[in-house]
Amino acid sequence: MRHTFTAMSYNLWGDWDLPRRTPALTGLLAGRAPDLLGVQELSPGAVDLIDAALPGHARVVDDAPGWREHANLWWDRELFAEVEHGLADIGMPTPDRGLSWVRLRHVEAPDLAPLVLASAHLTFPGNAEEVRTERSPRTEQARSAARELNRLAGGDPVILCIDINDYARPLWAFYDDGFREPFGTLGRTCPITHPVTPRLDKPMRWEGVQVVEKALDWLFFNGALRPRTAEVVDYFLDGVAPSDHKPVTATFTQGAVA
C-alpha cells in the first residue's frame, strides 16, 4: 500500500497589510490546496483566512496562543486524521514559539505508519541577543528540532515545514540527524524563497540583508518518504504577493514504490 500527497511550507508575514494581501493569499491556497500545510509567522486573521480557503482541511485546535500567533498545521480531512499534537521547546527566545507538531494517520491507507508533520521558525539573525553577542542560536535550535522529531517519530516518517533564517550550518544539522530535503534528493538546487520581488508595500529594515536573494524556506523529511516533485511557488494576484516569502511545495510518496 502507498499514499502520494502534497505538502507546503509557508511563512505568512504575520498580519502586515493582511487585508490587502488577503485575495492573493486566498487565491494561492485555494488554487494549490496542499494536502498538508505548515505555516510560520501566523496571525489570528490568517487562521480564519486559511480555514475559509481550505474548507476541506482540519488544523490543530489548541487554546495555547502560539497555535494562532506563531505556527499551525493543516491537513486534508479525507486523507489524514489527527492522533495527537504538541509544542516542543527547541530553545526559542519567544514565548509560545517552538516546534509545533501533529501526528497524523492515513485515512485511506490505514496500514501505513503514522506521519509526523511539524513547523518551526528559527530565530531571525537581527534579534537583540544575536546582535549583542554575534553568535547564532540557529544551529543548536536545528539540532534540538531534529532530535525531538526523531524521538517523536520513533522511525515513522516526518515532514518539517521550516523557515530556517540561515543557509548553511542549520541545514547541515538536519542532515547530520538523517533529514533530507526534496530539491537535493531530486538532484536540483532550491530556488530563492526570500524576498519576493518587487516588494512595494514595506520598506527595507535591514539594508544589505533583506535585499540578498536566499533560500530560507524548506521542507525537510525523514523516514520512508520519497519526494517526487519540488517547487518554489511564484504567485501574484493583481500585482500583490501573498507574502514576502515564497511557499515551498513538494509531492511525497509513502509506502512501497515500484
C-alpha atoms as a PDB file:
ATOM      1  CA  MET A   1       0.000   0.000   0.000  1.00  0.00           C
ATOM      2  CA  ARG A   2       1.219   3.514  -0.724  1.00  0.00           C
ATOM      3  CA  HIS A   3      -0.017   7.072  -0.463  1.00  0.00           C
ATOM      4  CA  THR A   4       1.073  10.056  -2.579  1.00  0.00           C
ATOM      5  CA  PHE A   5       0.288  13.544  -1.293  1.00  0.00           C
ATOM      6  CA  THR A   6       1.435  17.166  -1.427  1.00  0.00           C
ATOM      7  CA  ALA A   7       2.948  19.293   1.333  1.00  0.00           C
ATOM      8  CA  MET A   8       3.586  23.031   1.574  1.00  0.00           C
ATOM      9  CA  SER A   9       5.628  25.233   3.905  1.00  0.00           C
ATOM     10  CA  TYR A  10       4.739  28.921   4.017  1.00  0.00           C
ATOM     11  CA  ASN A  11       5.875  31.949   6.015  1.00  0.00           C
ATOM     12  CA  LEU A  12       2.780  34.190   6.073  1.00  0.00           C
ATOM     13  CA  TRP A  13       4.402  37.515   7.085  1.00  0.00           C
ATOM     14  CA  GLY A  14       2.220  37.891  10.181  1.00  0.00           C
ATOM     15  CA  ASP A  15      -0.586  40.417   9.907  1.00  0.00           C
ATOM     16  CA  TRP A  16       1.407  43.006   7.962  1.00  0.00           C
ATOM     17  CA  ASP A  17      -1.011  44.615   5.476  1.00  0.00           C
ATOM     18  CA  LEU A  18      -3.073  41.418   5.610  1.00  0.00           C
ATOM     19  CA  PRO A  19      -6.343  42.903   4.264  1.00  0.00           C
ATOM     20  CA  ARG A  20      -4.621  43.960   1.035  1.00  0.00           C
ATOM     21  CA  ARG A  21      -2.859  40.596   0.747  1.00  0.00           C
ATOM     22  CA  THR A  22      -5.965  38.522   1.510  1.00  0.00           C
ATOM     23  CA  PRO A  23      -7.171  37.995  -2.087  1.00  0.00           C
ATOM     24  CA  ALA A  24      -3.712  36.839  -3.182  1.00  0.00           C
ATOM     25  CA  LEU A  25      -3.216  34.572  -0.177  1.00  0.00           C
ATOM     26  CA  THR A  26      -6.697  33.098  -0.567  1.00  0.00           C
ATOM     27  CA  GLY A  27      -6.168  32.556  -4.282  1.00  0.00           C
ATOM     28  CA  LEU A  28      -2.857  30.795  -3.762  1.00  0.00           C
ATOM     29  CA  LEU A  29      -4.079  28.457  -1.025  1.00  0.00           C
ATOM     30  CA  ALA A  30      -7.394  27.642  -2.684  1.00  0.00           C
ATOM     31  CA  GLY A  31      -5.713  27.067  -6.029  1.00  0.00           C
ATOM     32  CA  ARG A  32      -2.922  24.870  -4.725  1.00  0.00           C
ATOM     33  CA  ALA A  33      -4.893  23.237  -1.873  1.00  0.00           C
ATOM     34  CA  PRO A  34      -1.918  21.295  -0.468  1.00  0.00           C
ATOM     35  CA  ASP A  35      -2.819  18.089   1.334  1.00  0.00           C
ATOM     36  CA  LEU A  36      -0.506  19.115   4.187  1.00  0.00           C
ATOM     37  CA  LEU A  37       0.312  22.704   5.141  1.00  0.00           C
ATOM     38  CA  GLY A  38       2.687  24.033   7.782  1.00  0.00           C
ATOM     39  CA  VAL A  39       2.936  27.790   8.306  1.00  0.00           C
ATOM     40  CA  GLN A  40       5.114  30.265  10.170  1.00  0.00           C
ATOM     41  CA  GLU A  41       4.505  33.903  11.179  1.00  0.00           C
ATOM     42  CA  LEU A  42       0.846  33.134  11.682  1.00  0.00           C
ATOM     43  CA  SER A  43      -1.745  35.643  12.928  1.00  0.00           C
ATOM     44  CA  PRO A  44      -5.330  35.136  14.163  1.00  0.00           C
ATOM     45  CA  GLY A  45      -6.681  36.759  11.000  1.00  0.00           C
ATOM     46  CA  ALA A  46      -4.661  34.406   8.828  1.00  0.00           C
ATOM     47  CA  VAL A  47      -6.008  31.383  10.737  1.00  0.00           C
ATOM     48  CA  ASP A  48      -9.552  32.317   9.757  1.00  0.00           C
ATOM     49  CA  LEU A  49      -8.437  33.091   6.202  1.00  0.00           C
ATOM     50  CA  ILE A  50      -6.818  29.665   5.764  1.00  0.00           C
ATOM     51  CA  ASP A  51      -9.825  27.885   7.270  1.00  0.00           C
ATOM     52  CA  ALA A  52     -12.031  29.596   4.688  1.00  0.00           C
ATOM     53  CA  ALA A  53      -9.652  28.966   1.777  1.00  0.00           C
ATOM     54  CA  LEU A  54      -9.284  25.266   2.665  1.00  0.00           C
ATOM     55  CA  PRO A  55     -12.756  24.205   3.854  1.00  0.00           C
ATOM     56  CA  GLY A  56     -11.927  20.522   3.479  1.00  0.00           C
ATOM     57  CA  HIS A  57      -8.967  20.766   5.842  1.00  0.00           C
ATOM     58  CA  ALA A  58      -8.612  20.428   9.598  1.00  0.00           C
ATOM     59  CA  ARG A  59      -5.936  22.035  11.772  1.00  0.00           C
ATOM     60  CA  VAL A  60      -4.584  21.798  15.278  1.00  0.00           C
ATOM     61  CA  VAL A  61      -7.106  23.321  17.694  1.00  0.00           C
ATOM     62  CA  ASP A  62      -5.461  24.283  20.968  1.00  0.00           C
ATOM     63  CA  ASP A  63      -6.010  27.112  23.464  1.00  0.00           C
ATOM     64  CA  ALA A  64      -2.290  27.853  23.725  1.00  0.00           C
ATOM     65  CA  PRO A  65      -1.725  31.218  21.965  1.00  0.00           C
ATOM     66  CA  GLY A  66       1.157  30.018  19.815  1.00  0.00           C
ATOM     67  CA  TRP A  67      -1.182  27.991  17.624  1.00  0.00           C
ATOM     68  CA  ARG A  68      -2.855  31.205  16.428  1.00  0.00           C
ATOM     69  CA  GLU A  69       0.087  33.599  16.701  1.00  0.00           C
ATOM     70  CA  HIS A  70       3.168  31.686  15.518  1.00  0.00           C
ATOM     71  CA  ALA A  71       2.613  28.374  13.710  1.00  0.00           C
ATOM     72  CA  ASN A  72      -0.049  25.821  12.903  1.00  0.00           C
ATOM     73  CA  LEU A  73      -0.626  22.782  10.704  1.00  0.00           C
ATOM     74  CA  TRP A  74      -3.472  21.917   8.315  1.00  0.00           C
ATOM     75  CA  TRP A  75      -4.343  18.589   6.630  1.00  0.00           C
ATOM     76  CA  ASP A  76      -6.961  17.313   4.192  1.00  0.00           C
ATOM     77  CA  ARG A  77      -9.602  15.553   6.296  1.00  0.00           C
ATOM     78  CA  GLU A  78     -10.301  12.967   3.595  1.00  0.00           C
ATOM     79  CA  LEU A  79      -6.669  11.843   3.628  1.00  0.00           C
ATOM     80  CA  PHE A  80      -5.437  12.328   7.200  1.00  0.00           C
ATOM     81  CA  ALA A  81      -6.764  12.358  10.775  1.00  0.00           C
ATOM     82  CA  GLU A  82      -5.120  13.670  13.930  1.00  0.00           C
ATOM     83  CA  VAL A  83      -3.773  11.274  16.533  1.00  0.00           C
ATOM     84  CA  GLU A  84      -2.140  13.818  18.855  1.00  0.00           C
ATOM     85  CA  HIS A  85      -0.271  17.133  18.760  1.00  0.00           C
ATOM     86  CA  GLY A  86       2.163  19.163  20.836  1.00  0.00           C
ATOM     87  CA  LEU A  87       4.601  22.058  21.086  1.00  0.00           C
ATOM     88  CA  ALA A  88       8.233  21.219  21.914  1.00  0.00           C
ATOM     89  CA  ASP A  89      10.862  23.565  23.335  1.00  0.00           C
ATOM     90  CA  ILE A  90      13.829  23.886  20.957  1.00  0.00           C
ATOM     91  CA  GLY A  91      15.440  26.927  22.559  1.00  0.00           C
ATOM     92  CA  MET A  92      13.402  29.725  21.032  1.00  0.00           C
ATOM     93  CA  PRO A  93      13.535  33.055  22.921  1.00  0.00           C
ATOM     94  CA  THR A  94       9.929  33.958  22.011  1.00  0.00           C
ATOM     95  CA  PRO A  95       7.215  32.672  24.382  1.00  0.00           C
ATOM     96  CA  ASP A  96       4.756  30.128  22.924  1.00  0.00           C
ATOM     97  CA  ARG A  97       7.039  29.510  19.927  1.00  0.00           C
ATOM     98  CA  GLY A  98       8.895  26.273  19.323  1.00  0.00           C
ATOM     99  CA  LEU A  99       8.446  23.076  17.338  1.00  0.00           C
ATOM    100  CA  SER A 100       4.732  22.711  16.544  1.00  0.00           C
ATOM    101  CA  TRP A 101       3.835  19.146  15.564  1.00  0.00           C
ATOM    102  CA  VAL A 102       0.920  16.810  14.892  1.00  0.00           C
ATOM    103  CA  ARG A 103       0.842  13.051  14.410  1.00  0.00           C
ATOM    104  CA  LEU A 104      -1.450  12.032  11.558  1.00  0.00           C
ATOM    105  CA  ARG A 105      -2.825   8.668  10.498  1.00  0.00           C
ATOM    106  CA  HIS A 106      -3.638   7.867   6.873  1.00  0.00           C
ATOM    107  CA  VAL A 107      -7.407   7.605   6.420  1.00  0.00           C
ATOM    108  CA  GLU A 108      -7.367   5.714   3.114  1.00  0.00           C
ATOM    109  CA  ALA A 109      -4.153   3.773   3.752  1.00  0.00           C
ATOM    110  CA  PRO A 110      -4.515   2.617   7.366  1.00  0.00           C
ATOM    111  CA  ASP A 111      -1.720   0.042   7.070  1.00  0.00           C
ATOM    112  CA  LEU A 112       0.862   2.804   6.603  1.00  0.00           C
ATOM    113  CA  ALA A 113       2.746   4.155   9.599  1.00  0.00           C
ATOM    114  CA  PRO A 114       1.536   7.472  11.020  1.00  0.00           C
ATOM    115  CA  LEU A 115       3.200  10.641   9.787  1.00  0.00           C
ATOM    116  CA  VAL A 116       4.571  13.437  11.991  1.00  0.00           C
ATOM    117  CA  LEU A 117       4.026  16.876  10.434  1.00  0.00           C
ATOM    118  CA  ALA A 118       5.786  19.820  12.081  1.00  0.00           C
ATOM    119  CA  SER A 119       6.500  23.516  11.664  1.00  0.00           C
ATOM    120  CA  ALA A 120       9.265  25.733  13.068  1.00  0.00           C
ATOM    121  CA  HIS A 121      10.689  29.208  12.518  1.00  0.00           C
ATOM    122  CA  LEU A 122      14.273  29.623  13.667  1.00  0.00           C
ATOM    123  CA  THR A 123      15.347  32.887  15.254  1.00  0.00           C
ATOM    124  CA  PHE A 124      15.841  35.907  12.998  1.00  0.00           C
ATOM    125  CA  PRO A 125      19.515  36.993  12.726  1.00  0.00           C
ATOM    126  CA  GLY A 126      18.554  40.528  13.744  1.00  0.00           C
ATOM    127  CA  ASN A 127      17.333  39.535  17.209  1.00  0.00           C
ATOM    128  CA  ALA A 128      18.787  41.617  20.048  1.00  0.00           C
ATOM    129  CA  GLU A 129      20.804  38.823  21.672  1.00  0.00           C
ATOM    130  CA  GLU A 130      22.473  37.776  18.435  1.00  0.00           C
ATOM    131  CA  VAL A 131      23.285  41.387  17.576  1.00  0.00           C
ATOM    132  CA  ARG A 132      24.846  41.767  21.034  1.00  0.00           C
ATOM    133  CA  THR A 133      26.876  38.525  21.061  1.00  0.00           C
ATOM    134  CA  GLU A 134      27.369  37.969  17.317  1.00  0.00           C
ATOM    135  CA  ARG A 135      26.595  34.289  17.980  1.00  0.00           C
ATOM    136  CA  SER A 136      23.871  32.385  16.124  1.00  0.00           C
ATOM    137  CA  PRO A 137      21.425  30.174  18.060  1.00  0.00           C
ATOM    138  CA  ARG A 138      20.064  28.547  14.907  1.00  0.00           C
ATOM    139  CA  THR A 139      22.358  25.544  14.637  1.00  0.00           C
ATOM    140  CA  GLU A 140      21.504  24.356  18.138  1.00  0.00           C
ATOM    141  CA  GLN A 141      17.823  25.083  17.532  1.00  0.00           C
ATOM    142  CA  ALA A 142      18.026  22.923  14.397  1.00  0.00           C
ATOM    143  CA  ARG A 143      19.764  20.112  16.276  1.00  0.00           C
ATOM    144  CA  SER A 144      17.126  20.282  19.021  1.00  0.00           C
ATOM    145  CA  ALA A 145      14.319  20.161  16.450  1.00  0.00           C
ATOM    146  CA  ALA A 146      15.868  17.192  14.632  1.00  0.00           C
ATOM    147  CA  ARG A 147      16.399  15.246  17.869  1.00  0.00           C
ATOM    148  CA  GLU A 148      12.863  15.933  19.067  1.00  0.00           C
ATOM    149  CA  LEU A 149      11.279  14.974  15.755  1.00  0.00           C
ATOM    150  CA  ASN A 150      13.222  11.716  15.580  1.00  0.00           C
ATOM    151  CA  ARG A 151      12.216  10.953  19.173  1.00  0.00           C
ATOM    152  CA  LEU A 152       8.551  11.700  18.454  1.00  0.00           C
ATOM    153  CA  ALA A 153       8.504   9.718  15.221  1.00  0.00           C
ATOM    154  CA  GLY A 154      10.332   6.673  16.542  1.00  0.00           C
ATOM    155  CA  GLY A 155      11.260   5.705  12.991  1.00  0.00           C
ATOM    156  CA  ASP A 156       7.975   6.765  11.383  1.00  0.00           C
ATOM    157  CA  PRO A 157       8.032   9.356   8.576  1.00  0.00           C
ATOM    158  CA  VAL A 158       8.469  13.050   9.369  1.00  0.00           C
ATOM    159  CA  ILE A 159       7.889  16.225   7.345  1.00  0.00           C
ATOM    160  CA  LEU A 160       9.163  19.517   8.767  1.00  0.00           C
ATOM    161  CA  CYS A 161       7.989  22.846   7.342  1.00  0.00           C
ATOM    162  CA  ILE A 162      10.550  25.446   8.351  1.00  0.00           C
ATOM    163  CA  ASP A 163      11.815  28.981   7.862  1.00  0.00           C
ATOM    164  CA  ILE A 164      15.433  28.361   8.782  1.00  0.00           C
ATOM    165  CA  ASN A 165      16.586  32.012   8.613  1.00  0.00           C
ATOM    166  CA  ASP A 166      20.029  30.792   7.559  1.00  0.00           C
ATOM    167  CA  TYR A 167      21.732  28.970   4.724  1.00  0.00           C
ATOM    168  CA  ALA A 168      24.420  26.589   5.965  1.00  0.00           C
ATOM    169  CA  ARG A 169      25.056  25.113   9.400  1.00  0.00           C
ATOM    170  CA  PRO A 170      21.411  24.628  10.498  1.00  0.00           C
ATOM    171  CA  LEU A 171      20.758  22.728   7.263  1.00  0.00           C
ATOM    172  CA  TRP A 172      23.788  20.554   7.923  1.00  0.00           C
ATOM    173  CA  ALA A 173      22.498  19.886  11.453  1.00  0.00           C
ATOM    174  CA  PHE A 174      19.337  18.348   9.997  1.00  0.00           C
ATOM    175  CA  TYR A 175      21.421  16.302   7.549  1.00  0.00           C
ATOM    176  CA  ASP A 176      23.511  15.001  10.474  1.00  0.00           C
ATOM    177  CA  ASP A 177      20.339  13.529  12.023  1.00  0.00           C
ATOM    178  CA  GLY A 178      19.157  11.834   8.838  1.00  0.00           C
ATOM    179  CA  PHE A 179      16.887  14.527   7.384  1.00  0.00           C
ATOM    180  CA  ARG A 180      16.914  15.409   3.702  1.00  0.00           C
ATOM    181  CA  GLU A 181      15.084  17.932   1.504  1.00  0.00           C
ATOM    182  CA  PRO A 182      13.341  17.283  -1.823  1.00  0.00           C
ATOM    183  CA  PHE A 183      15.419  19.503  -4.114  1.00  0.00           C
ATOM    184  CA  GLY A 184      18.752  17.905  -3.264  1.00  0.00           C
ATOM    185  CA  THR A 185      17.219  14.436  -3.266  1.00  0.00           C
ATOM    186  CA  LEU A 186      15.915  15.060  -6.784  1.00  0.00           C
ATOM    187  CA  GLY A 187      19.310  16.332  -7.952  1.00  0.00           C
ATOM    188  CA  ARG A 188      18.341  20.002  -8.015  1.00  0.00           C
ATOM    189  CA  THR A 189      19.176  23.242  -6.221  1.00  0.00           C
ATOM    190  CA  CYS A 190      16.460  25.120  -4.345  1.00  0.00           C
ATOM    191  CA  PRO A 191      15.359  28.409  -5.947  1.00  0.00           C
ATOM    192  CA  ILE A 192      15.265  31.541  -3.804  1.00  0.00           C
ATOM    193  CA  THR A 193      12.331  31.893  -1.419  1.00  0.00           C
ATOM    194  CA  HIS A 194      13.006  35.378   0.014  1.00  0.00           C
ATOM    195  CA  PRO A 195      12.478  38.201  -0.638  1.00  0.00           C
ATOM    196  CA  VAL A 196       9.549  38.321  -3.012  1.00  0.00           C
ATOM    197  CA  THR A 197      10.248  40.989  -5.614  1.00  0.00           C
ATOM    198  CA  PRO A 198       9.132  43.563  -6.388  1.00  0.00           C
ATOM    199  CA  ARG A 199       8.227  44.376  -2.792  1.00  0.00           C
ATOM    200  CA  LEU A 200       6.483  47.721  -2.906  1.00  0.00           C
ATOM    201  CA  ASP A 201       4.423  47.510   0.274  1.00  0.00           C
ATOM    202  CA  LYS A 202       7.023  47.537   3.075  1.00  0.00           C
ATOM    203  CA  PRO A 203      10.289  49.500   3.379  1.00  0.00           C
ATOM    204  CA  MET A 204      13.524  47.574   3.869  1.00  0.00           C
ATOM    205  CA  ARG A 205      14.516  47.496   7.546  1.00  0.00           C
ATOM    206  CA  TRP A 206      17.756  45.545   7.170  1.00  0.00           C
ATOM    207  CA  GLU A 207      19.519  47.009   4.184  1.00  0.00           C
ATOM    208  CA  GLY A 208      22.158  44.607   2.899  1.00  0.00           C
ATOM    209  CA  VAL A 209      20.346  41.608   4.407  1.00  0.00           C
ATOM    210  CA  GLN A 210      16.783  41.789   3.120  1.00  0.00           C
ATOM    211  CA  VAL A 211      17.985  42.616  -0.390  1.00  0.00           C
ATOM    212  CA  VAL A 212      20.051  39.417  -0.661  1.00  0.00           C
ATOM    213  CA  GLU A 213      18.175  36.677  -2.505  1.00  0.00           C
ATOM    214  CA  LYS A 214      18.276  33.497  -0.471  1.00  0.00           C
ATOM    215  CA  ALA A 215      16.554  30.170   0.188  1.00  0.00           C
ATOM    216  CA  LEU A 216      15.224  30.335   3.754  1.00  0.00           C
ATOM    217  CA  ASP A 217      12.173  28.094   3.490  1.00  0.00           C
ATOM    218  CA  TRP A 218      12.400  24.304   3.370  1.00  0.00           C
ATOM    219  CA  LEU A 219      10.538  21.027   3.585  1.00  0.00           C
ATOM    220  CA  PHE A 220      12.779  18.558   5.415  1.00  0.00           C
ATOM    221  CA  PHE A 221      11.792  14.909   5.627  1.00  0.00           C
ATOM    222  CA  ASN A 222      12.970  11.732   7.292  1.00  0.00           C
ATOM    223  CA  GLY A 223      11.854   8.118   7.218  1.00  0.00           C
ATOM    224  CA  ALA A 224      10.115   6.118   4.493  1.00  0.00           C
ATOM    225  CA  LEU A 225       9.150   9.018   2.219  1.00  0.00           C
ATOM    226  CA  ARG A 226      10.105   9.513  -1.417  1.00  0.00           C
ATOM    227  CA  PRO A 227       9.946  13.027  -2.903  1.00  0.00           C
ATOM    228  CA  ARG A 228       8.532  13.059  -6.421  1.00  0.00           C
ATOM    229  CA  THR A 229       8.441  16.801  -7.221  1.00  0.00           C
ATOM    230  CA  ALA A 230       9.581  20.034  -5.567  1.00  0.00           C
ATOM    231  CA  GLU A 231       8.740  23.667  -6.355  1.00  0.00           C
ATOM    232  CA  VAL A 232       9.133  27.178  -5.018  1.00  0.00           C
ATOM    233  CA  VAL A 233       5.845  28.810  -5.990  1.00  0.00           C
ATOM    234  CA  ASP A 234       5.887  32.232  -7.664  1.00  0.00           C
ATOM    235  CA  TYR A 235       2.406  33.767  -7.393  1.00  0.00           C
ATOM    236  CA  PHE A 236       0.911  37.261  -7.601  1.00  0.00           C
ATOM    237  CA  LEU A 237      -2.669  38.472  -7.901  1.00  0.00           C
ATOM    238  CA  ASP A 238      -3.275  41.924  -9.388  1.00  0.00           C
ATOM    239  CA  GLY A 239       0.333  42.801  -8.664  1.00  0.00           C
ATOM    240  CA  VAL A 240       0.140  41.854  -4.965  1.00  0.00           C
ATOM    241  CA  ALA A 241       2.161  38.996  -3.468  1.00  0.00           C
ATOM    242  CA  PRO A 242       0.562  36.845  -0.739  1.00  0.00           C
ATOM    243  CA  SER A 243       3.660  37.201   1.489  1.00  0.00           C
ATOM    244  CA  ASP A 244       7.267  38.387   1.472  1.00  0.00           C
ATOM    245  CA  HIS A 245       8.299  34.701   1.318  1.00  0.00           C
ATOM    246  CA  LYS A 246       7.516  32.236  -1.442  1.00  0.00           C
ATOM    247  CA  PRO A 247       5.951  28.931  -0.414  1.00  0.00           C
ATOM    248  CA  VAL A 248       7.790  25.665  -0.921  1.00  0.00           C
ATOM    249  CA  THR A 249       5.756  22.670  -2.029  1.00  0.00           C
ATOM    250  CA  ALA A 250       6.615  19.040  -2.751  1.00  0.00           C
ATOM    251  CA  THR A 251       4.918  15.769  -3.615  1.00  0.00           C
ATOM    252  CA  PHE A 252       5.810  12.757  -1.464  1.00  0.00           C
ATOM    253  CA  THR A 253       5.017   9.062  -1.648  1.00  0.00           C
ATOM    254  CA  GLN A 254       4.900   6.971   1.499  1.00  0.00           C
ATOM    255  CA  GLY A 255       4.953   3.205   1.110  1.00  0.00           C
ATOM    256  CA  ALA A 256       6.301   0.841  -1.498  1.00  0.00           C
ATOM    257  CA  VAL A 257       7.096   2.394  -4.871  1.00  0.00           C
ATOM    258  CA  ALA A 258       7.501   0.135  -7.887  1.00  0.00           C
END
